[in-house]
Amino acid sequence: MIPRETVIETSPPARDQAGRVGFTLALLSLGHFFVDLYSGALGALQPLLVRQFRMSLTDAGILGGALVTSSSVMQPVYGYLADRFRTRLFAALGPAVAGLFISALGLAPSYGGLVLMVCLGGAGVASFHPQASAVAAAGVRVRRGGAMAIFISAGTLGFALGPTFFSVIAQRWGLGQAYWAAIPGVLCSALLMALLPGVYGGTVKAHSRSDWRPLLAVWKPMAILFLLVFVRSIVQVTFAQLIPLYLHLERGYSTATASYMLSLYLACGAVGGFAGGHLADRLGGRQVILISMIGATPLLALFFFGHGWVSVFGLLAGGLVLLFTIPVNVVMAQELVPGQMGTVSALMMGFAWGTAGLIFVPLTGMLADVFSLHAVLAGLAAFPLLGFVLVLRLPK
């Protein structure tokens, strides 16, 4: 029999606190799923939009770059505003804004209007991510990598299902009536407005001005982490935007089958992000990034130069290994500057991703018009090797 004095029970206040943290994590993970469901839609809609607006591959690349810019490059601005004003509206309204504009792309009057609507939908995505990623695991004291993996994997899963969801909607009602797809985002925002608690609590005061000193104090490891996310995002963003177009134009897939293939690829990435966060709690973040960077390139090469099931396996396994690092980079950056988690989360999740997409999605489209989409995308698959060299510079 265990002596009574050796039995340790969790106190009710501690259980209540853990319950609140878990509830907030669940709500924000749900929001992350839906907001990224819309951010993943453009890849599936690209073939239909190319046909309706008679776009070139360069135009398609610019459209993808516009989404990445508005949804990702602008995230540090929203991260700063969220750290300063500390209102839950940034996270709560994101799914509705993203859903309303992305779902209505088929109603755009012209190519210019299409770009504008993509940018407005991207603004909803951008406003959600910094605040939600800062708060989702803020109350977690141990295994923060695992908690962040749950939050990020929920978004990656939504991003993965976005192409299939919108492909089904477009096939059933047509591109012009795809606006019905906005309903889940609007309902999700209503749920967040009703149930999401004050995301910062009452113990932290709003910043009257930005303080860059904590960031400058750790600029070297922060710069390496940023570059690692940038290199990974070159492959991740460009593939997500252009793989359906590649499969449709160069491999003869139907638009629906190409969208399903993209969803499988991104779903494997969601599994990879979940696994990477838990592996980081066991092996350390640096080791997980090393494994990801050295393992992704040969697997992706199988996709471009293999055939049949070997090619499919290479795409899916490459996506899984490549996205090991998503929660790892974010948690490492947050631990470097814990007082400005919204800002650093935006730098890691948004600005690095967005800068890569802004440069390489349009560039890939332009180069594909000159060479071929196959040649350009296959060349991008080698970029994780640059990340392997970078991670060797990270402090152990």
Foldseek 3Di string as FASTA:
>chain_A
DDDPVVDDDDDPVNVVLVVLLVVLLVLLLLLLLLLLLLLLQQQLCLVVCCVVQVDALLLLLQLLLLLQCLQFQCLLVLLLVCLFPQFCCLQLLLLLQLLQLSQQLLVQPHSVSSSVSSNRSSNSNSSNFLLSLLQNQVPPDALSLLSSLSSVLSNLLSSLCSSLVQNVLCVVPNSNPSSVRSVVSVVSSVVCVVPPDSRPPDPDHGDPDDDCVLCVVPVPLLVLLLVLLLLLLLLVSQCSRCQLVCCCPPVPDDSNVSSNLSSLLSNLLSVLSNVLSNVCSVPNLLVLLLQLLVPQLVLCLQLLPPDDPSNSRSSNVSSSSSNSNLSSSLVVQCVSPVSSSSNSSSSNVGSSSSVSSNPNSSVLSVVCVVPNNSVSSNVSSNSSNVSNVSSVPNDD
